[in-house]
C-alpha atoms as a PDB file:
ATOM      1  CA  MET A   1     -50.950  -3.221 -68.817  1.00  0.00           C
ATOM      2  CA  ASP A   2     -47.662  -1.805 -69.785  1.00  0.00           C
ATOM      3  CA  ARG A   3     -45.928  -5.300 -69.878  1.00  0.00           C
ATOM      4  CA  GLY A   4     -43.524  -5.624 -72.748  1.00  0.00           C
ATOM      5  CA  GLY A   5     -39.904  -6.070 -73.719  1.00  0.00           C
ATOM      6  CA  ILE A   6     -38.393  -8.887 -71.693  1.00  0.00           C
ATOM      7  CA  PHE A   7     -41.801  -9.440 -69.748  1.00  0.00           C
ATOM      8  CA  ALA A   8     -43.764  -9.831 -73.150  1.00  0.00           C
ATOM      9  CA  GLY A   9     -46.059 -12.707 -73.831  1.00  0.00           C
ATOM     10  CA  ASP A  10     -49.085 -14.683 -72.404  1.00  0.00           C
ATOM     11  CA  ASP A  11     -47.307 -17.758 -71.102  1.00  0.00           C
ATOM     12  CA  PRO A  12     -45.216 -17.628 -67.920  1.00  0.00           C
ATOM     13  CA  PHE A  13     -43.613 -20.875 -68.526  1.00  0.00           C
ATOM     14  CA  ALA A  14     -42.435 -19.846 -72.051  1.00  0.00           C
ATOM     15  CA  LEU A  15     -41.110 -16.590 -70.499  1.00  0.00           C
ATOM     16  CA  ALA A  16     -39.234 -18.552 -67.722  1.00  0.00           C
ATOM     17  CA  LYS A  17     -37.614 -20.717 -70.502  1.00  0.00           C
ATOM     18  CA  ALA A  18     -36.682 -17.638 -72.636  1.00  0.00           C
ATOM     19  CA  TRP A  19     -35.081 -16.095 -69.453  1.00  0.00           C
ATOM     20  CA  LEU A  20     -33.250 -19.354 -68.705  1.00  0.00           C
ATOM     21  CA  SER A  21     -32.036 -19.570 -72.182  1.00  0.00           C
ATOM     22  CA  GLU A  22     -30.573 -16.145 -71.972  1.00  0.00           C
ATOM     23  CA  ALA A  23     -28.837 -16.917 -68.742  1.00  0.00           C
ATOM     24  CA  GLU A  24     -27.257 -20.094 -70.115  1.00  0.00           C
ATOM     25  CA  ALA A  25     -25.191 -17.702 -72.340  1.00  0.00           C
ATOM     26  CA  SER A  26     -24.098 -15.233 -69.602  1.00  0.00           C
ATOM     27  CA  GLU A  27     -24.090 -17.097 -66.247  1.00  0.00           C
ATOM     28  CA  PRO A  28     -20.664 -18.612 -65.340  1.00  0.00           C
ATOM     29  CA  ASN A  29     -21.921 -21.482 -63.460  1.00  0.00           C
ATOM     30  CA  ASP A  30     -25.277 -23.513 -63.007  1.00  0.00           C
ATOM     31  CA  PRO A  31     -27.729 -21.050 -64.684  1.00  0.00           C
ATOM     32  CA  ASN A  32     -30.517 -23.473 -63.592  1.00  0.00           C
ATOM     33  CA  ALA A  33     -29.639 -23.268 -59.929  1.00  0.00           C
ATOM     34  CA  ILE A  34     -32.713 -22.498 -57.687  1.00  0.00           C
ATOM     35  CA  ALA A  35     -32.800 -21.777 -53.984  1.00  0.00           C
ATOM     36  CA  LEU A  36     -35.682 -24.360 -52.949  1.00  0.00           C
ATOM     37  CA  ALA A  37     -37.724 -23.603 -49.757  1.00  0.00           C
ATOM     38  CA  THR A  38     -39.756 -26.093 -47.917  1.00  0.00           C
ATOM     39  CA  VAL A  39     -41.151 -26.139 -44.258  1.00  0.00           C
ATOM     40  CA  ASP A  40     -40.808 -28.893 -41.526  1.00  0.00           C
ATOM     41  CA  ALA A  41     -43.657 -30.177 -39.406  1.00  0.00           C
ATOM     42  CA  ASP A  42     -43.157 -27.210 -36.855  1.00  0.00           C
ATOM     43  CA  GLY A  43     -43.438 -24.696 -39.829  1.00  0.00           C
ATOM     44  CA  MET A  44     -39.743 -23.796 -39.746  1.00  0.00           C
ATOM     45  CA  PRO A  45     -38.498 -23.115 -43.152  1.00  0.00           C
ATOM     46  CA  ASN A  46     -35.491 -24.790 -44.790  1.00  0.00           C
ATOM     47  CA  THR A  47     -33.729 -23.556 -48.076  1.00  0.00           C
ATOM     48  CA  ARG A  48     -31.046 -25.181 -50.172  1.00  0.00           C
ATOM     49  CA  MET A  49     -29.629 -24.926 -53.647  1.00  0.00           C
ATOM     50  CA  VAL A  50     -30.730 -27.618 -56.108  1.00  0.00           C
ATOM     51  CA  LEU A  51     -30.690 -27.759 -60.085  1.00  0.00           C
ATOM     52  CA  LEU A  52     -33.911 -27.253 -61.996  1.00  0.00           C
ATOM     53  CA  LYS A  53     -33.870 -29.845 -64.642  1.00  0.00           C
ATOM     54  CA  GLU A  54     -37.090 -29.114 -66.759  1.00  0.00           C
ATOM     55  CA  ILE A  55     -39.445 -26.372 -67.345  1.00  0.00           C
ATOM     56  CA  GLU A  56     -42.604 -28.133 -68.652  1.00  0.00           C
ATOM     57  CA  PRO A  57     -45.756 -26.545 -70.142  1.00  0.00           C
ATOM     58  CA  ALA A  58     -47.333 -26.111 -66.694  1.00  0.00           C
ATOM     59  CA  ALA A  59     -44.619 -27.132 -64.201  1.00  0.00           C
ATOM     60  CA  PHE A  60     -40.918 -27.000 -62.997  1.00  0.00           C
ATOM     61  CA  VAL A  61     -39.125 -30.127 -62.224  1.00  0.00           C
ATOM     62  CA  PHE A  62     -36.126 -31.067 -60.039  1.00  0.00           C
ATOM     63  CA  TYR A  63     -34.707 -34.467 -58.950  1.00  0.00           C
ATOM     64  CA  THR A  64     -33.873 -35.603 -55.355  1.00  0.00           C
ATOM     65  CA  ASN A  65     -33.712 -38.520 -52.915  1.00  0.00           C
ATOM     66  CA  TYR A  66     -37.318 -38.774 -51.606  1.00  0.00           C
ATOM     67  CA  THR A  67     -35.964 -39.655 -48.134  1.00  0.00           C
ATOM     68  CA  SER A  68     -33.920 -36.554 -47.835  1.00  0.00           C
ATOM     69  CA  ARG A  69     -34.849 -33.749 -45.609  1.00  0.00           C
ATOM     70  CA  LYS A  70     -36.359 -31.791 -48.402  1.00  0.00           C
ATOM     71  CA  GLY A  71     -38.054 -34.807 -50.129  1.00  0.00           C
ATOM     72  CA  ARG A  72     -39.735 -35.602 -46.698  1.00  0.00           C
ATOM     73  CA  GLU A  73     -40.885 -32.103 -46.041  1.00  0.00           C
ATOM     74  CA  ILE A  74     -42.361 -31.955 -49.515  1.00  0.00           C
ATOM     75  CA  GLU A  75     -44.125 -35.345 -49.149  1.00  0.00           C
ATOM     76  CA  ALA A  76     -45.774 -34.027 -45.863  1.00  0.00           C
ATOM     77  CA  SER A  77     -46.731 -30.564 -46.988  1.00  0.00           C
ATOM     78  CA  GLY A  78     -47.381 -30.933 -50.755  1.00  0.00           C
ATOM     79  CA  LYS A  79     -45.846 -27.540 -51.381  1.00  0.00           C
ATOM     80  CA  ALA A  80     -42.642 -25.870 -52.342  1.00  0.00           C
ATOM     81  CA  ALA A  81     -41.248 -22.528 -53.491  1.00  0.00           C
ATOM     82  CA  PHE A  82     -38.082 -21.307 -55.175  1.00  0.00           C
ATOM     83  CA  VAL A  83     -36.304 -18.463 -56.413  1.00  0.00           C
ATOM     84  CA  MET A  84     -33.915 -18.559 -59.404  1.00  0.00           C
ATOM     85  CA  HIS A  85     -31.520 -15.512 -59.637  1.00  0.00           C
ATOM     86  CA  TRP A  86     -29.146 -14.393 -62.298  1.00  0.00           C
ATOM     87  CA  LYS A  87     -26.538 -11.835 -61.414  1.00  0.00           C
ATOM     88  CA  SER A  88     -25.433 -11.439 -65.047  1.00  0.00           C
ATOM     89  CA  LEU A  89     -28.924 -10.574 -66.133  1.00  0.00           C
ATOM     90  CA  HIS A  90     -30.107  -8.645 -62.997  1.00  0.00           C
ATOM     91  CA  ARG A  91     -33.251 -10.813 -63.070  1.00  0.00           C
ATOM     92  CA  GLN A  92     -35.007 -13.297 -60.840  1.00  0.00           C
ATOM     93  CA  ILE A  93     -38.040 -15.554 -60.988  1.00  0.00           C
ATOM     94  CA  ARG A  94     -39.987 -16.495 -57.792  1.00  0.00           C
ATOM     95  CA  VAL A  95     -42.317 -19.535 -57.926  1.00  0.00           C
ATOM     96  CA  ARG A  96     -44.762 -20.978 -55.232  1.00  0.00           C
ATOM     97  CA  GLY A  97     -46.952 -23.942 -55.618  1.00  0.00           C
ATOM     98  CA  MET A  98     -48.158 -27.485 -55.196  1.00  0.00           C
ATOM     99  CA  THR A  99     -45.982 -30.428 -55.707  1.00  0.00           C
ATOM    100  CA  GLU A 100     -46.215 -34.026 -56.976  1.00  0.00           C
ATOM    101  CA  ARG A 101     -43.684 -36.820 -57.652  1.00  0.00           C
ATOM    102  CA  GLU A 102     -42.304 -37.682 -61.059  1.00  0.00           C
ATOM    103  CA  ASP A 103     -41.383 -41.217 -60.666  1.00  0.00           C
ATOM    104  CA  GLY A 104     -42.281 -42.803 -63.885  1.00  0.00           C
ATOM    105  CA  PRO A 105     -40.649 -43.022 -67.357  1.00  0.00           C
ATOM    106  CA  ILE A 106     -39.515 -39.379 -67.300  1.00  0.00           C
ATOM    107  CA  ALA A 107     -37.609 -39.825 -64.117  1.00  0.00           C
ATOM    108  CA  ASP A 108     -36.137 -43.141 -65.614  1.00  0.00           C
ATOM    109  CA  ALA A 109     -34.968 -41.428 -68.619  1.00  0.00           C
ATOM    110  CA  TYR A 110     -33.345 -38.524 -66.792  1.00  0.00           C
ATOM    111  CA  TYR A 111     -31.656 -40.807 -64.241  1.00  0.00           C
ATOM    112  CA  ALA A 112     -30.239 -42.798 -67.256  1.00  0.00           C
ATOM    113  CA  SER A 113     -28.873 -39.776 -68.706  1.00  0.00           C
ATOM    114  CA  ARG A 114     -26.741 -38.912 -65.751  1.00  0.00           C
ATOM    115  CA  SER A 115     -23.075 -40.117 -65.518  1.00  0.00           C
ATOM    116  CA  LEU A 116     -22.489 -43.610 -64.025  1.00  0.00           C
ATOM    117  CA  LYS A 117     -20.792 -42.072 -60.901  1.00  0.00           C
ATOM    118  CA  SER A 118     -23.768 -39.962 -60.413  1.00  0.00           C
ATOM    119  CA  ARG A 119     -26.269 -42.863 -60.732  1.00  0.00           C
ATOM    120  CA  LEU A 120     -24.182 -44.984 -58.375  1.00  0.00           C
ATOM    121  CA  GLY A 121     -24.007 -42.070 -55.921  1.00  0.00           C
ATOM    122  CA  ALA A 122     -27.743 -41.805 -55.863  1.00  0.00           C
ATOM    123  CA  TRP A 123     -27.736 -45.338 -54.565  1.00  0.00           C
ATOM    124  CA  ALA A 124     -25.011 -44.973 -52.038  1.00  0.00           C
ATOM    125  CA  SER A 125     -25.982 -41.629 -50.445  1.00  0.00           C
ATOM    126  CA  ALA A 126     -28.572 -41.771 -47.581  1.00  0.00           C
ATOM    127  CA  GLN A 127     -29.112 -38.054 -48.335  1.00  0.00           C
ATOM    128  CA  SER A 128     -29.446 -35.792 -45.272  1.00  0.00           C
ATOM    129  CA  GLN A 129     -28.681 -38.622 -42.768  1.00  0.00           C
ATOM    130  CA  PRO A 130     -25.596 -38.471 -40.523  1.00  0.00           C
ATOM    131  CA  LEU A 131     -22.374 -39.824 -41.944  1.00  0.00           C
ATOM    132  CA  SER A 132     -19.505 -41.130 -39.989  1.00  0.00           C
ATOM    133  CA  SER A 133     -16.834 -40.193 -42.609  1.00  0.00           C
ATOM    134  CA  ARG A 134     -16.206 -39.651 -46.282  1.00  0.00           C
ATOM    135  CA  THR A 135     -14.276 -43.014 -46.262  1.00  0.00           C
ATOM    136  CA  ALA A 136     -17.481 -44.705 -45.223  1.00  0.00           C
ATOM    137  CA  LEU A 137     -19.354 -43.007 -48.242  1.00  0.00           C
ATOM    138  CA  VAL A 138     -16.559 -44.013 -50.752  1.00  0.00           C
ATOM    139  CA  ALA A 139     -16.846 -47.513 -49.336  1.00  0.00           C
ATOM    140  CA  GLU A 140     -20.458 -47.669 -49.975  1.00  0.00           C
ATOM    141  CA  VAL A 141     -20.099 -46.392 -53.491  1.00  0.00           C
ATOM    142  CA  ALA A 142     -17.753 -49.322 -54.151  1.00  0.00           C
ATOM    143  CA  LYS A 143     -20.109 -51.706 -52.552  1.00  0.00           C
ATOM    144  CA  ILE A 144     -23.048 -50.421 -54.682  1.00  0.00           C
ATOM    145  CA  THR A 145     -20.766 -50.557 -57.769  1.00  0.00           C
ATOM    146  CA  ALA A 146     -20.149 -54.283 -57.203  1.00  0.00           C
ATOM    147  CA  THR A 147     -23.828 -54.978 -56.538  1.00  0.00           C
ATOM    148  CA  HIS A 148     -25.496 -52.853 -59.323  1.00  0.00           C
ATOM    149  CA  GLY A 149     -22.745 -52.756 -62.018  1.00  0.00           C
ATOM    150  CA  THR A 150     -22.492 -50.368 -64.833  1.00  0.00           C
ATOM    151  CA  ASN A 151     -26.135 -49.947 -65.701  1.00  0.00           C
ATOM    152  CA  PRO A 152     -27.956 -49.532 -62.456  1.00  0.00           C
ATOM    153  CA  ALA A 153     -31.799 -49.042 -62.341  1.00  0.00           C
ATOM    154  CA  ARG A 154     -33.206 -45.786 -60.940  1.00  0.00           C
ATOM    155  CA  PRO A 155     -33.504 -46.295 -57.130  1.00  0.00           C
ATOM    156  CA  PRO A 156     -37.085 -46.523 -55.967  1.00  0.00           C
ATOM    157  CA  PHE A 157     -36.451 -43.625 -53.305  1.00  0.00           C
ATOM    158  CA  TRP A 158     -34.979 -41.212 -55.995  1.00  0.00           C
ATOM    159  CA  GLY A 159     -36.875 -39.426 -58.619  1.00  0.00           C
ATOM    160  CA  GLY A 160     -38.356 -35.947 -59.658  1.00  0.00           C
ATOM    161  CA  ILE A 161     -40.595 -33.497 -57.902  1.00  0.00           C
ATOM    162  CA  ARG A 162     -42.723 -31.389 -60.112  1.00  0.00           C
ATOM    163  CA  ILE A 163     -43.681 -28.026 -58.773  1.00  0.00           C
ATOM    164  CA  ILE A 164     -47.030 -26.860 -60.250  1.00  0.00           C
ATOM    165  CA  PRO A 165     -47.223 -23.123 -59.673  1.00  0.00           C
ATOM    166  CA  THR A 166     -50.062 -21.035 -58.207  1.00  0.00           C
ATOM    167  CA  GLU A 167     -47.947 -18.052 -58.467  1.00  0.00           C
ATOM    168  CA  ILE A 168     -44.947 -16.929 -60.432  1.00  0.00           C
ATOM    169  CA  GLU A 169     -43.128 -13.580 -60.133  1.00  0.00           C
ATOM    170  CA  PHE A 170     -40.733 -11.998 -62.696  1.00  0.00           C
ATOM    171  CA  TRP A 171     -38.335  -9.313 -61.476  1.00  0.00           C
ATOM    172  CA  ALA A 172     -35.869  -7.260 -63.373  1.00  0.00           C
ATOM    173  CA  ASP A 173     -33.477  -4.737 -61.959  1.00  0.00           C
ATOM    174  CA  GLY A 174     -34.343  -1.045 -62.458  1.00  0.00           C
ATOM    175  CA  ALA A 175     -32.475   2.223 -62.219  1.00  0.00           C
ATOM    176  CA  PHE A 176     -32.574   3.863 -58.805  1.00  0.00           C
ATOM    177  CA  ARG A 177     -33.933   0.579 -57.335  1.00  0.00           C
ATOM    178  CA  LEU A 178     -37.189   1.128 -59.357  1.00  0.00           C
ATOM    179  CA  HIS A 179     -37.302  -2.386 -60.185  1.00  0.00           C
ATOM    180  CA  ASP A 180     -39.911  -3.952 -62.546  1.00  0.00           C
ATOM    181  CA  ARG A 181     -42.078  -6.808 -60.979  1.00  0.00           C
ATOM    182  CA  PHE A 182     -44.881  -8.692 -62.520  1.00  0.00           C
ATOM    183  CA  ARG A 183     -46.766 -11.448 -60.603  1.00  0.00           C
ATOM    184  CA  TRP A 184     -48.711 -14.018 -62.435  1.00  0.00           C
ATOM    185  CA  THR A 185     -51.519 -15.765 -60.309  1.00  0.00           C
ATOM    186  CA  LEU A 186     -53.445 -18.703 -61.216  1.00  0.00           C
ATOM    187  CA  SER A 187     -57.109 -17.757 -61.126  1.00  0.00           C
ATOM    188  CA  GLY A 188     -59.816 -20.324 -60.693  1.00  0.00           C
ATOM    189  CA  SER A 189     -59.869 -23.987 -62.056  1.00  0.00           C
ATOM    190  CA  ASP A 190     -59.576 -23.006 -65.697  1.00  0.00           C
ATOM    191  CA  GLY A 191     -55.883 -22.584 -65.695  1.00  0.00           C
ATOM    192  CA  ALA A 192     -56.080 -18.877 -66.548  1.00  0.00           C
ATOM    193  CA  TRP A 193     -53.337 -16.511 -65.340  1.00  0.00           C
ATOM    194  CA  MET A 194     -53.993 -13.028 -63.938  1.00  0.00           C
ATOM    195  CA  THR A 195     -51.042 -10.690 -64.328  1.00  0.00           C
ATOM    196  CA  GLN A 196     -50.279  -7.671 -62.070  1.00  0.00           C
ATOM    197  CA  ARG A 197     -47.572  -5.122 -61.836  1.00  0.00           C
ATOM    198  CA  LEU A 198     -46.111  -4.787 -58.388  1.00  0.00           C
ATOM    199  CA  ASN A 199     -44.308  -1.980 -56.668  1.00  0.00           C
ATOM    200  CA  PRO A 200     -40.611  -2.520 -56.414  1.00  0.00           C
END
């Protein structure tokens, strides 16, 4: 297969990390932003921007409130998808796969690395639920600050979601819209990846 240059390598996770590393040097804001897609109980899709926090050897990880709409939809379906697009590089990565929670020591460590205001905000926000006013939210943050102090533990309803892909597609812009696309598909239970070039 004629896969070389920016697509070279046998490990799609290493390739994703390499592309993200390049984007970190050229994207003006949030190079780790992803458009995360989930579906509700009726099969209606929902999409929103979140920040990807880790590319592991076999998964992608972001963090959220588990009681948010996305958290509840992921819990119900056990699946999610996302696209990561970089205008500066003219590239994107699409991922589809199964999900699992990351609510152990890794989530604790990431939560502890966040700013104090972000940690308190995770406690104060009933994410995706109706809110009467911003004043009410600020008052809840003040209440949480008084209750939890300057070193709050990670909320039990907040943690990581690990997306374990069954399919990853790498896309790069080409002249005359003749883009380069390679799809990596997990084949069988041995963890082997099959790669195909796709028409643009």
